[in-house]
Amino acid sequence: MKRGFKNMPRFALLACALLACVFAGAEKKAAAQFGAQPVKIVFPFGAGGNGDAVSRFIGERVQAETGQSVVIDDHPGAGGIMGAMAVKSAPADGTTLMLAPFTLMSIFPHIYPDLKYDPVKDFEPVSQVATFEFSLVAAASTPAKTVAELVDLLKRDPAMGGFGSPGAGSLPHFLGVAFARAAGVELRHVPYRGTAAALTDLVAGQIPLAILPTSDVIEYAKLGQIRALATFGARQSLYLPRTPTLREAGYDVAGDGWFALYAPGGTPAATIDRINKIVAGLARSQAFRDRLSKLGLEATGTTPSELAALQQEELAKYGPLVKASGFKPTE
């Protein structure tokens, strides 16, 4: 027989009411703290660059919406890990946030077996803020003018399969692995220390191919110094509109880079929702979209659940690619 609240002893009713007040009060207090004191946005790399700029754009909007000061904390170290660790350990009250690149949340768990943070358990997703794409580009001296011609060329001459990337363990590195597997060809990874060095060698014809951020190759492609064969986005590029995606070229390979906002794990849902509304509102503004476009970024602005789903999807997606690449963090 079911027992309702009427049949509960008075002391039990009082205890339930007291617990409800305690939990409700704790959540309200934590939620209220966001906007009641300075907010720190951690960008886990050095100052300068696109991520730092996006952090500052977000900071401007948070300050305007809440009336509280915002500090941008460029926190480099260990490829972003030190900044992530600092946010993991911060109070879960919405006053510390992190603008994280996708590598920290989707790829590093597969690279570092002793990673000191769990990208799912230790952080609360707030919103994806922006995406950026990568392109498969060829030196002007490389005979292939399309992806189909490149695949034929590589099957005839595997020596033409050297491709540069901004670094070992970067997303372009693993996108190259994915393309090679899908096309049934051999590609040899040539890691560089950043995009600029890879572009220099590509323009000079020292390497036949590269996979690089689209924003960095646009002008070179327009001048005919390199040739854009395909992009890795899910749809055609806004910046290289006449260049097909790899999927359009017949290979089911896609992957974008992104920046997303996170809070320490355990931050109350009410606080997350409030921050999300600020960031999503910013992402919908034309001024923000225009600012990001100049950086080669596309504004997004997702819900927390959409970001969580994307992260889980990519964690599953990149694990096999990292394994297939044989990459070790000591390289």
C-alpha atoms as a PDB file:
ATOM      1  CA  MET A   1       0.000   0.000   0.000  1.00  0.00           C
ATOM      2  CA  LYS A   2       1.370   3.426  -0.975  1.00  0.00           C
ATOM      3  CA  ARG A   3       2.065   5.929   1.759  1.00  0.00           C
ATOM      4  CA  GLY A   4       1.598   9.657   0.983  1.00  0.00           C
ATOM      5  CA  PHE A   5       3.042  12.632   2.761  1.00  0.00           C
ATOM      6  CA  LYS A   6      -0.046  12.676   5.035  1.00  0.00           C
ATOM      7  CA  ASN A   7       1.051   9.387   6.546  1.00  0.00           C
ATOM      8  CA  MET A   8       4.667  10.413   7.167  1.00  0.00           C
ATOM      9  CA  PRO A   9       5.724  11.229  10.733  1.00  0.00           C
ATOM     10  CA  ARG A  10       5.968  14.946  11.458  1.00  0.00           C
ATOM     11  CA  PHE A  11       9.730  14.779  12.085  1.00  0.00           C
ATOM     12  CA  ALA A  12      10.236  13.182   8.632  1.00  0.00           C
ATOM     13  CA  LEU A  13       8.219  15.921   6.970  1.00  0.00           C
ATOM     14  CA  LEU A  14      10.284  18.557   8.741  1.00  0.00           C
ATOM     15  CA  ALA A  15      13.517  16.847   7.699  1.00  0.00           C
ATOM     16  CA  CYS A  16      12.445  16.713   4.036  1.00  0.00           C
ATOM     17  CA  ALA A  17      11.456  20.354   4.078  1.00  0.00           C
ATOM     18  CA  LEU A  18      14.745  21.340   5.693  1.00  0.00           C
ATOM     19  CA  LEU A  19      16.783  19.390   3.130  1.00  0.00           C
ATOM     20  CA  ALA A  20      14.809  20.923   0.257  1.00  0.00           C
ATOM     21  CA  CYS A  21      15.532  24.406   1.597  1.00  0.00           C
ATOM     22  CA  VAL A  22      19.223  23.646   2.021  1.00  0.00           C
ATOM     23  CA  PHE A  23      19.654  22.316  -1.527  1.00  0.00           C
ATOM     24  CA  ALA A  24      17.550  25.063  -3.099  1.00  0.00           C
ATOM     25  CA  GLY A  25      19.401  27.708  -1.119  1.00  0.00           C
ATOM     26  CA  ALA A  26      22.803  26.309  -2.104  1.00  0.00           C
ATOM     27  CA  GLU A  27      21.929  26.306  -5.793  1.00  0.00           C
ATOM     28  CA  LYS A  28      20.475  29.808  -5.649  1.00  0.00           C
ATOM     29  CA  LYS A  29      23.564  31.058  -3.845  1.00  0.00           C
ATOM     30  CA  ALA A  30      25.919  29.485  -6.391  1.00  0.00           C
ATOM     31  CA  ALA A  31      23.852  30.782  -9.308  1.00  0.00           C
ATOM     32  CA  ALA A  32      23.718  34.257  -7.833  1.00  0.00           C
ATOM     33  CA  GLN A  33      27.496  34.408  -7.514  1.00  0.00           C
ATOM     34  CA  PHE A  34      27.853  34.600 -11.271  1.00  0.00           C
ATOM     35  CA  GLY A  35      27.601  38.297 -11.988  1.00  0.00           C
ATOM     36  CA  ALA A  36      28.156  39.251  -8.342  1.00  0.00           C
ATOM     37  CA  GLN A  37      31.947  39.235  -8.507  1.00  0.00           C
ATOM     38  CA  PRO A  38      34.685  39.421 -11.169  1.00  0.00           C
ATOM     39  CA  VAL A  39      34.625  36.670 -13.776  1.00  0.00           C
ATOM     40  CA  LYS A  40      37.782  35.014 -15.079  1.00  0.00           C
ATOM     41  CA  ILE A  41      37.908  33.459 -18.538  1.00  0.00           C
ATOM     42  CA  VAL A  42      40.882  31.158 -18.897  1.00  0.00           C
ATOM     43  CA  PHE A  43      42.362  30.646 -22.338  1.00  0.00           C
ATOM     44  CA  PRO A  44      44.862  27.789 -21.872  1.00  0.00           C
ATOM     45  CA  PHE A  45      47.459  29.183 -24.272  1.00  0.00           C
ATOM     46  CA  GLY A  46      49.515  32.347 -24.618  1.00  0.00           C
ATOM     47  CA  ALA A  47      48.205  35.763 -25.585  1.00  0.00           C
ATOM     48  CA  GLY A  48      47.568  36.463 -29.240  1.00  0.00           C
ATOM     49  CA  GLY A  49      45.910  34.280 -31.832  1.00  0.00           C
ATOM     50  CA  ASN A  50      42.307  33.540 -32.581  1.00  0.00           C
ATOM     51  CA  GLY A  51      41.389  31.847 -29.310  1.00  0.00           C
ATOM     52  CA  ASP A  52      42.672  34.716 -27.238  1.00  0.00           C
ATOM     53  CA  ALA A  53      40.699  37.164 -29.394  1.00  0.00           C
ATOM     54  CA  VAL A  54      37.487  35.132 -29.003  1.00  0.00           C
ATOM     55  CA  SER A  55      38.005  35.018 -25.234  1.00  0.00           C
ATOM     56  CA  ARG A  56      38.152  38.802 -25.174  1.00  0.00           C
ATOM     57  CA  PHE A  57      35.033  39.144 -27.325  1.00  0.00           C
ATOM     58  CA  ILE A  58      33.164  36.913 -24.869  1.00  0.00           C
ATOM     59  CA  GLY A  59      34.564  38.840 -21.941  1.00  0.00           C
ATOM     60  CA  GLU A  60      33.259  42.104 -23.381  1.00  0.00           C
ATOM     61  CA  ARG A  61      29.748  40.676 -23.663  1.00  0.00           C
ATOM     62  CA  VAL A  62      29.757  39.089 -20.193  1.00  0.00           C
ATOM     63  CA  GLN A  63      30.870  42.388 -18.692  1.00  0.00           C
ATOM     64  CA  ALA A  64      28.197  44.297 -20.596  1.00  0.00           C
ATOM     65  CA  GLU A  65      25.470  41.844 -19.560  1.00  0.00           C
ATOM     66  CA  THR A  66      26.413  41.497 -15.891  1.00  0.00           C
ATOM     67  CA  GLY A  67      28.059  44.820 -15.105  1.00  0.00           C
ATOM     68  CA  GLN A  68      30.967  42.971 -13.509  1.00  0.00           C
ATOM     69  CA  SER A  69      34.601  43.096 -14.506  1.00  0.00           C
ATOM     70  CA  VAL A  70      36.015  40.236 -16.558  1.00  0.00           C
ATOM     71  CA  VAL A  71      39.642  39.115 -16.535  1.00  0.00           C
ATOM     72  CA  ILE A  72      41.135  37.146 -19.435  1.00  0.00           C
ATOM     73  CA  ASP A  73      43.710  34.716 -18.066  1.00  0.00           C
ATOM     74  CA  ASP A  74      46.048  33.488 -20.799  1.00  0.00           C
ATOM     75  CA  HIS A  75      47.361  30.390 -19.060  1.00  0.00           C
ATOM     76  CA  PRO A  76      49.835  28.489 -21.279  1.00  0.00           C
ATOM     77  CA  GLY A  77      51.625  25.286 -20.410  1.00  0.00           C
ATOM     78  CA  ALA A  78      51.821  21.668 -21.571  1.00  0.00           C
ATOM     79  CA  GLY A  79      49.816  22.294 -24.726  1.00  0.00           C
ATOM     80  CA  GLY A  80      46.857  23.680 -22.796  1.00  0.00           C
ATOM     81  CA  ILE A  81      46.782  21.078 -20.034  1.00  0.00           C
ATOM     82  CA  MET A  82      47.946  23.467 -17.296  1.00  0.00           C
ATOM     83  CA  GLY A  83      45.089  25.873 -18.011  1.00  0.00           C
ATOM     84  CA  ALA A  84      42.562  23.046 -18.019  1.00  0.00           C
ATOM     85  CA  MET A  85      43.886  21.842 -14.669  1.00  0.00           C
ATOM     86  CA  ALA A  86      43.514  25.322 -13.203  1.00  0.00           C
ATOM     87  CA  VAL A  87      39.867  25.490 -14.281  1.00  0.00           C
ATOM     88  CA  LYS A  88      39.171  21.967 -13.055  1.00  0.00           C
ATOM     89  CA  SER A  89      40.280  23.045  -9.572  1.00  0.00           C
ATOM     90  CA  ALA A  90      38.415  26.376  -9.559  1.00  0.00           C
ATOM     91  CA  PRO A  91      35.205  26.975  -7.549  1.00  0.00           C
ATOM     92  CA  ALA A  92      32.139  25.661  -9.361  1.00  0.00           C
ATOM     93  CA  ASP A  93      30.216  28.921  -9.108  1.00  0.00           C
ATOM     94  CA  GLY A  94      30.432  30.346 -12.626  1.00  0.00           C
ATOM     95  CA  THR A  95      33.160  32.866 -11.817  1.00  0.00           C
ATOM     96  CA  THR A  96      35.829  30.838 -13.630  1.00  0.00           C
ATOM     97  CA  LEU A  97      35.272  29.733 -17.217  1.00  0.00           C
ATOM     98  CA  MET A  98      37.508  28.259 -19.900  1.00  0.00           C
ATOM     99  CA  LEU A  99      37.532  28.822 -23.635  1.00  0.00           C
ATOM    100  CA  ALA A 100      38.853  25.444 -24.746  1.00  0.00           C
ATOM    101  CA  PRO A 101      39.965  24.313 -28.184  1.00  0.00           C
ATOM    102  CA  PHE A 102      38.647  20.961 -29.364  1.00  0.00           C
ATOM    103  CA  THR A 103      42.018  19.237 -28.885  1.00  0.00           C
ATOM    104  CA  LEU A 104      41.828  19.502 -25.098  1.00  0.00           C
ATOM    105  CA  MET A 105      38.358  17.995 -24.941  1.00  0.00           C
ATOM    106  CA  SER A 106      38.244  15.487 -27.821  1.00  0.00           C
ATOM    107  CA  ILE A 107      41.781  14.414 -28.778  1.00  0.00           C
ATOM    108  CA  PHE A 108      44.081  14.695 -25.749  1.00  0.00           C
ATOM    109  CA  PRO A 109      42.289  11.901 -23.841  1.00  0.00           C
ATOM    110  CA  HIS A 110      43.417   9.514 -26.586  1.00  0.00           C
ATOM    111  CA  ILE A 111      46.977  10.849 -26.695  1.00  0.00           C
ATOM    112  CA  TYR A 112      47.860  11.102 -23.004  1.00  0.00           C
ATOM    113  CA  PRO A 113      47.139   7.942 -21.000  1.00  0.00           C
ATOM    114  CA  ASP A 114      47.871   9.770 -17.730  1.00  0.00           C
ATOM    115  CA  LEU A 115      45.920  12.954 -18.483  1.00  0.00           C
ATOM    116  CA  LYS A 116      45.197  14.669 -15.167  1.00  0.00           C
ATOM    117  CA  TYR A 117      41.673  15.733 -16.074  1.00  0.00           C
ATOM    118  CA  ASP A 118      38.581  14.039 -17.426  1.00  0.00           C
ATOM    119  CA  PRO A 119      37.076  16.206 -20.198  1.00  0.00           C
ATOM    120  CA  VAL A 120      33.575  14.925 -19.429  1.00  0.00           C
ATOM    121  CA  LYS A 121      33.485  14.574 -15.640  1.00  0.00           C
ATOM    122  CA  ASP A 122      35.616  17.579 -14.678  1.00  0.00           C
ATOM    123  CA  PHE A 123      33.898  20.233 -16.808  1.00  0.00           C
ATOM    124  CA  GLU A 124      30.393  21.452 -17.528  1.00  0.00           C
ATOM    125  CA  PRO A 125      29.691  22.293 -21.195  1.00  0.00           C
ATOM    126  CA  VAL A 126      28.344  25.819 -21.678  1.00  0.00           C
ATOM    127  CA  SER A 127      28.355  26.482 -25.428  1.00  0.00           C
ATOM    128  CA  GLN A 128      30.361  25.921 -28.541  1.00  0.00           C
ATOM    129  CA  VAL A 129      31.329  29.416 -29.662  1.00  0.00           C
ATOM    130  CA  ALA A 130      33.035  29.098 -33.038  1.00  0.00           C
ATOM    131  CA  THR A 131      34.273  26.630 -35.617  1.00  0.00           C
ATOM    132  CA  PHE A 132      37.085  26.748 -38.122  1.00  0.00           C
ATOM    133  CA  GLU A 133      37.922  24.486 -41.012  1.00  0.00           C
ATOM    134  CA  PHE A 134      40.915  22.817 -42.606  1.00  0.00           C
ATOM    135  CA  SER A 135      41.849  22.342 -46.236  1.00  0.00           C
ATOM    136  CA  LEU A 136      43.800  19.801 -48.248  1.00  0.00           C
ATOM    137  CA  VAL A 137      46.175  21.879 -50.343  1.00  0.00           C
ATOM    138  CA  ALA A 138      48.827  21.023 -52.912  1.00  0.00           C
ATOM    139  CA  ALA A 139      51.959  22.760 -54.066  1.00  0.00           C
ATOM    140  CA  ALA A 140      51.606  24.475 -57.444  1.00  0.00           C
ATOM    141  CA  SER A 141      54.148  21.977 -58.787  1.00  0.00           C
ATOM    142  CA  THR A 142      52.030  18.974 -57.752  1.00  0.00           C
ATOM    143  CA  PRO A 143      50.323  17.648 -60.908  1.00  0.00           C
ATOM    144  CA  ALA A 144      46.948  16.841 -59.295  1.00  0.00           C
ATOM    145  CA  LYS A 145      44.232  19.474 -59.703  1.00  0.00           C
ATOM    146  CA  THR A 146      41.402  17.516 -58.041  1.00  0.00           C
ATOM    147  CA  VAL A 147      41.097  14.969 -55.256  1.00  0.00           C
ATOM    148  CA  ALA A 148      40.426  12.220 -57.814  1.00  0.00           C
ATOM    149  CA  GLU A 149      43.607  13.118 -59.679  1.00  0.00           C
ATOM    150  CA  LEU A 150      45.521  13.175 -56.383  1.00  0.00           C
ATOM    151  CA  VAL A 151      44.341   9.693 -55.430  1.00  0.00           C
ATOM    152  CA  ASP A 152      45.353   8.362 -58.858  1.00  0.00           C
ATOM    153  CA  LEU A 153      48.721  10.075 -58.538  1.00  0.00           C
ATOM    154  CA  LEU A 154      49.373   8.637 -55.073  1.00  0.00           C
ATOM    155  CA  LYS A 155      48.498   5.134 -56.211  1.00  0.00           C
ATOM    156  CA  ARG A 156      51.005   5.450 -59.053  1.00  0.00           C
ATOM    157  CA  ASP A 157      53.643   7.305 -57.077  1.00  0.00           C
ATOM    158  CA  PRO A 158      53.464   6.902 -53.278  1.00  0.00           C
ATOM    159  CA  ALA A 159      56.505   9.188 -52.950  1.00  0.00           C
ATOM    160  CA  MET A 160      54.147  12.106 -53.640  1.00  0.00           C
ATOM    161  CA  GLY A 161      52.291  11.345 -50.407  1.00  0.00           C
ATOM    162  CA  GLY A 162      54.211  13.602 -48.033  1.00  0.00           C
ATOM    163  CA  PHE A 163      51.834  16.042 -46.334  1.00  0.00           C
ATOM    164  CA  GLY A 164      52.686  18.848 -43.953  1.00  0.00           C
ATOM    165  CA  SER A 165      50.671  19.833 -40.906  1.00  0.00           C
ATOM    166  CA  PRO A 166      51.013  22.435 -38.139  1.00  0.00           C
ATOM    167  CA  GLY A 167      52.353  19.773 -35.798  1.00  0.00           C
ATOM    168  CA  ALA A 168      52.447  16.149 -34.712  1.00  0.00           C
ATOM    169  CA  GLY A 169      49.289  15.286 -32.830  1.00  0.00           C
ATOM    170  CA  SER A 170      47.294  18.122 -34.391  1.00  0.00           C
ATOM    171  CA  LEU A 171      43.890  17.565 -35.953  1.00  0.00           C
ATOM    172  CA  PRO A 172      45.316  17.983 -39.498  1.00  0.00           C
ATOM    173  CA  HIS A 173      47.689  15.112 -38.678  1.00  0.00           C
ATOM    174  CA  PHE A 174      44.759  12.820 -37.876  1.00  0.00           C
ATOM    175  CA  LEU A 175      42.620  14.108 -40.747  1.00  0.00           C
ATOM    176  CA  GLY A 176      45.455  13.024 -43.033  1.00  0.00           C
ATOM    177  CA  VAL A 177      45.312   9.560 -41.494  1.00  0.00           C
ATOM    178  CA  ALA A 178      41.542   9.462 -42.049  1.00  0.00           C
ATOM    179  CA  PHE A 179      41.845  10.542 -45.684  1.00  0.00           C
ATOM    180  CA  ALA A 180      44.576   7.999 -46.411  1.00  0.00           C
ATOM    181  CA  ARG A 181      42.442   5.196 -44.954  1.00  0.00           C
ATOM    182  CA  ALA A 182      39.334   6.295 -46.857  1.00  0.00           C
ATOM    183  CA  ALA A 183      41.157   6.645 -50.174  1.00  0.00           C
ATOM    184  CA  GLY A 184      43.321   3.552 -49.795  1.00  0.00           C
ATOM    185  CA  VAL A 185      46.555   5.457 -50.350  1.00  0.00           C
ATOM    186  CA  GLU A 186      49.756   6.024 -48.419  1.00  0.00           C
ATOM    187  CA  LEU A 187      50.398   9.415 -46.872  1.00  0.00           C
ATOM    188  CA  ARG A 188      53.553  10.317 -44.995  1.00  0.00           C
ATOM    189  CA  HIS A 189      53.136  12.887 -42.248  1.00  0.00           C
ATOM    190  CA  VAL A 190      55.610  15.781 -42.204  1.00  0.00           C
ATOM    191  CA  PRO A 191      55.058  17.716 -38.947  1.00  0.00           C
ATOM    192  CA  TYR A 192      56.015  21.376 -38.653  1.00  0.00           C
ATOM    193  CA  ARG A 193      56.114  23.809 -35.769  1.00  0.00           C
ATOM    194  CA  GLY A 194      53.089  25.809 -36.780  1.00  0.00           C
ATOM    195  CA  THR A 195      51.273  26.662 -39.989  1.00  0.00           C
ATOM    196  CA  ALA A 196      53.664  29.340 -41.258  1.00  0.00           C
ATOM    197  CA  ALA A 197      56.612  26.965 -41.634  1.00  0.00           C
ATOM    198  CA  ALA A 198      54.495  24.368 -43.453  1.00  0.00           C
ATOM    199  CA  LEU A 199      53.125  27.020 -45.826  1.00  0.00           C
ATOM    200  CA  THR A 200      56.613  28.285 -46.621  1.00  0.00           C
ATOM    201  CA  ASP A 201      57.763  24.836 -47.685  1.00  0.00           C
ATOM    202  CA  LEU A 202      54.524  24.136 -49.566  1.00  0.00           C
ATOM    203  CA  VAL A 203      54.801  27.349 -51.600  1.00  0.00           C
ATOM    204  CA  ALA A 204      58.440  26.523 -52.321  1.00  0.00           C
ATOM    205  CA  GLY A 205      57.500  23.033 -53.489  1.00  0.00           C
ATOM    206  CA  GLN A 206      59.511  21.331 -50.748  1.00  0.00           C
ATOM    207  CA  ILE A 207      56.459  19.242 -49.825  1.00  0.00           C
ATOM    208  CA  PRO A 208      53.740  18.189 -52.288  1.00  0.00           C
ATOM    209  CA  LEU A 209      50.734  18.419 -49.936  1.00  0.00           C
ATOM    210  CA  ALA A 210      49.561  19.903 -46.669  1.00  0.00           C
ATOM    211  CA  ILE A 211      46.488  19.994 -44.437  1.00  0.00           C
ATOM    212  CA  LEU A 212      46.214  23.432 -42.880  1.00  0.00           C
ATOM    213  CA  PRO A 213      43.644  25.864 -41.463  1.00  0.00           C
ATOM    214  CA  THR A 214      41.618  27.282 -44.330  1.00  0.00           C
ATOM    215  CA  SER A 215      41.993  30.823 -43.035  1.00  0.00           C
ATOM    216  CA  ASP A 216      45.766  30.586 -43.502  1.00  0.00           C
ATOM    217  CA  VAL A 217      45.722  29.309 -47.085  1.00  0.00           C
ATOM    218  CA  ILE A 218      43.083  31.549 -48.702  1.00  0.00           C
ATOM    219  CA  GLU A 219      45.365  34.272 -50.022  1.00  0.00           C
ATOM    220  CA  TYR A 220      47.996  31.821 -51.271  1.00  0.00           C
ATOM    221  CA  ALA A 221      45.310  29.887 -53.141  1.00  0.00           C
ATOM    222  CA  LYS A 222      43.894  33.069 -54.681  1.00  0.00           C
ATOM    223  CA  LEU A 223      47.359  34.017 -55.931  1.00  0.00           C
ATOM    224  CA  GLY A 224      47.882  30.568 -57.442  1.00  0.00           C
ATOM    225  CA  GLN A 225      50.884  29.852 -55.223  1.00  0.00           C
ATOM    226  CA  ILE A 226      49.183  26.708 -53.920  1.00  0.00           C
ATOM    227  CA  ARG A 227      46.115  24.753 -54.999  1.00  0.00           C
ATOM    228  CA  ALA A 228      43.148  24.016 -52.728  1.00  0.00           C
ATOM    229  CA  LEU A 229      41.888  20.518 -53.540  1.00  0.00           C
ATOM    230  CA  ALA A 230      39.232  20.046 -50.850  1.00  0.00           C
ATOM    231  CA  THR A 231      38.052  21.195 -47.463  1.00  0.00           C
ATOM    232  CA  PHE A 232      37.255  18.992 -44.488  1.00  0.00           C
ATOM    233  CA  GLY A 233      34.046  20.734 -43.434  1.00  0.00           C
ATOM    234  CA  ALA A 234      30.618  19.162 -43.446  1.00  0.00           C
ATOM    235  CA  ARG A 235      29.564  21.743 -46.054  1.00  0.00           C
ATOM    236  CA  GLN A 236      31.295  23.943 -48.584  1.00  0.00           C
ATOM    237  CA  SER A 237      33.613  26.598 -47.263  1.00  0.00           C
ATOM    238  CA  LEU A 238      32.515  30.213 -47.044  1.00  0.00           C
ATOM    239  CA  TYR A 239      36.101  31.190 -47.795  1.00  0.00           C
ATOM    240  CA  LEU A 240      36.830  28.758 -50.651  1.00  0.00           C
ATOM    241  CA  PRO A 241      33.352  28.461 -52.212  1.00  0.00           C
ATOM    242  CA  ARG A 242      34.512  26.737 -55.422  1.00  0.00           C
ATOM    243  CA  THR A 243      36.448  24.069 -53.536  1.00  0.00           C
ATOM    244  CA  PRO A 244      34.558  20.816 -52.822  1.00  0.00           C
ATOM    245  CA  THR A 245      34.443  19.113 -49.461  1.00  0.00           C
ATOM    246  CA  LEU A 246      36.089  15.719 -49.215  1.00  0.00           C
ATOM    247  CA  ARG A 247      32.622  14.199 -48.890  1.00  0.00           C
ATOM    248  CA  GLU A 248      31.606  15.856 -52.146  1.00  0.00           C
ATOM    249  CA  ALA A 249      34.777  14.411 -53.654  1.00  0.00           C
ATOM    250  CA  GLY A 250      33.608  10.940 -52.625  1.00  0.00           C
ATOM    251  CA  TYR A 251      35.378  10.346 -49.305  1.00  0.00           C
ATOM    252  CA  ASP A 252      33.488  10.305 -46.019  1.00  0.00           C
ATOM    253  CA  VAL A 253      36.019  12.325 -44.062  1.00  0.00           C
ATOM    254  CA  ALA A 254      35.122  15.498 -42.183  1.00  0.00           C
ATOM    255  CA  GLY A 255      36.371  17.385 -39.165  1.00  0.00           C
ATOM    256  CA  ASP A 256      36.301  20.994 -38.028  1.00  0.00           C
ATOM    257  CA  GLY A 257      38.232  22.699 -35.298  1.00  0.00           C
ATOM    258  CA  TRP A 258      36.270  24.584 -32.663  1.00  0.00           C
ATOM    259  CA  PHE A 259      36.376  26.677 -29.532  1.00  0.00           C
ATOM    260  CA  ALA A 260      33.881  26.131 -26.729  1.00  0.00           C
ATOM    261  CA  LEU A 261      33.163  27.564 -23.313  1.00  0.00           C
ATOM    262  CA  TYR A 262      33.262  25.315 -20.242  1.00  0.00           C
ATOM    263  CA  ALA A 263      32.821  25.743 -16.484  1.00  0.00           C
ATOM    264  CA  PRO A 264      34.253  23.587 -13.682  1.00  0.00           C
ATOM    265  CA  GLY A 265      32.404  20.348 -13.061  1.00  0.00           C
ATOM    266  CA  GLY A 266      29.551  20.706 -10.607  1.00  0.00           C
ATOM    267  CA  THR A 267      28.623  24.250 -11.590  1.00  0.00           C
ATOM    268  CA  PRO A 268      24.833  24.532 -11.031  1.00  0.00           C
ATOM    269  CA  ALA A 269      22.563  24.151 -14.037  1.00  0.00           C
ATOM    270  CA  ALA A 270      20.982  27.544 -13.402  1.00  0.00           C
ATOM    271  CA  THR A 271      24.396  29.205 -13.648  1.00  0.00           C
ATOM    272  CA  ILE A 272      25.274  27.282 -16.805  1.00  0.00           C
ATOM    273  CA  ASP A 273      21.975  28.309 -18.393  1.00  0.00           C
ATOM    274  CA  ARG A 274      22.532  31.963 -17.574  1.00  0.00           C
ATOM    275  CA  ILE A 275      26.027  31.971 -19.084  1.00  0.00           C
ATOM    276  CA  ASN A 276      24.765  30.059 -22.102  1.00  0.00           C
ATOM    277  CA  LYS A 277      22.111  32.699 -22.790  1.00  0.00           C
ATOM    278  CA  ILE A 278      24.774  35.411 -22.783  1.00  0.00           C
ATOM    279  CA  VAL A 279      27.099  33.491 -25.100  1.00  0.00           C
ATOM    280  CA  ALA A 280      24.354  32.269 -27.439  1.00  0.00           C
ATOM    281  CA  GLY A 281      23.048  35.822 -27.704  1.00  0.00           C
ATOM    282  CA  LEU A 282      26.542  37.003 -28.601  1.00  0.00           C
ATOM    283  CA  ALA A 283      26.901  34.273 -31.243  1.00  0.00           C
ATOM    284  CA  ARG A 284      23.666  35.394 -32.913  1.00  0.00           C
ATOM    285  CA  SER A 285      24.792  39.009 -33.205  1.00  0.00           C
ATOM    286  CA  GLN A 286      25.940  40.143 -36.626  1.00  0.00           C
ATOM    287  CA  ALA A 287      28.740  42.213 -35.114  1.00  0.00           C
ATOM    288  CA  PHE A 288      30.242  39.115 -33.484  1.00  0.00           C
ATOM    289  CA  ARG A 289      29.846  37.089 -36.660  1.00  0.00           C
ATOM    290  CA  ASP A 290      31.624  39.787 -38.633  1.00  0.00           C
ATOM    291  CA  ARG A 291      34.482  39.935 -36.145  1.00  0.00           C
ATOM    292  CA  LEU A 292      34.943  36.172 -36.272  1.00  0.00           C
ATOM    293  CA  SER A 293      34.714  36.074 -40.058  1.00  0.00           C
ATOM    294  CA  LYS A 294      37.781  38.307 -40.256  1.00  0.00           C
ATOM    295  CA  LEU A 295      39.629  35.643 -38.263  1.00  0.00           C
ATOM    296  CA  GLY A 296      38.450  32.814 -40.497  1.00  0.00           C
ATOM    297  CA  LEU A 297      36.042  31.586 -37.819  1.00  0.00           C
ATOM    298  CA  GLU A 298      32.311  30.933 -37.955  1.00  0.00           C
ATOM    299  CA  ALA A 299      30.148  31.785 -34.950  1.00  0.00           C
ATOM    300  CA  THR A 300      27.935  28.977 -33.658  1.00  0.00           C
ATOM    301  CA  GLY A 301      26.421  29.222 -30.174  1.00  0.00           C
ATOM    302  CA  THR A 302      25.022  25.848 -29.088  1.00  0.00           C
ATOM    303  CA  THR A 303      23.107  24.681 -26.046  1.00  0.00           C
ATOM    304  CA  PRO A 304      25.058  22.873 -23.297  1.00  0.00           C
ATOM    305  CA  SER A 305      23.502  19.556 -24.311  1.00  0.00           C
ATOM    306  CA  GLU A 306      24.456  20.054 -27.961  1.00  0.00           C
ATOM    307  CA  LEU A 307      28.062  20.718 -26.978  1.00  0.00           C
ATOM    308  CA  ALA A 308      28.087  17.660 -24.722  1.00  0.00           C
ATOM    309  CA  ALA A 309      26.767  15.485 -27.564  1.00  0.00           C
ATOM    310  CA  LEU A 310      29.368  16.863 -30.002  1.00  0.00           C
ATOM    311  CA  GLN A 311      32.167  16.182 -27.545  1.00  0.00           C
ATOM    312  CA  GLN A 312      31.059  12.586 -26.987  1.00  0.00           C
ATOM    313  CA  GLU A 313      30.769  12.060 -30.748  1.00  0.00           C
ATOM    314  CA  GLU A 314      34.286  13.340 -31.347  1.00  0.00           C
ATOM    315  CA  LEU A 315      35.780  11.386 -28.455  1.00  0.00           C
ATOM    316  CA  ALA A 316      34.482   8.241 -30.157  1.00  0.00           C
ATOM    317  CA  LYS A 317      35.521   9.423 -33.625  1.00  0.00           C
ATOM    318  CA  TYR A 318      39.138  10.388 -32.989  1.00  0.00           C
ATOM    319  CA  GLY A 319      40.160   7.478 -30.787  1.00  0.00           C
ATOM    320  CA  PRO A 320      40.627   5.048 -33.706  1.00  0.00           C
ATOM    321  CA  LEU A 321      42.425   7.700 -35.799  1.00  0.00           C
ATOM    322  CA  VAL A 322      44.922   8.473 -33.062  1.00  0.00           C
ATOM    323  CA  LYS A 323      45.543   4.758 -32.625  1.00  0.00           C
ATOM    324  CA  ALA A 324      45.954   4.219 -36.372  1.00  0.00           C
ATOM    325  CA  SER A 325      48.450   7.077 -36.602  1.00  0.00           C
ATOM    326  CA  GLY A 326      50.747   5.452 -34.059  1.00  0.00           C
ATOM    327  CA  PHE A 327      51.377   8.894 -32.609  1.00  0.00           C
ATOM    328  CA  LYS A 328      52.995   9.175 -29.183  1.00  0.00           C
ATOM    329  CA  PRO A 329      53.202  12.465 -27.242  1.00  0.00           C
ATOM    330  CA  THR A 330      56.988  12.157 -27.051  1.00  0.00           C
ATOM    331  CA  GLU A 331      57.259  12.728 -30.822  1.00  0.00           C
END
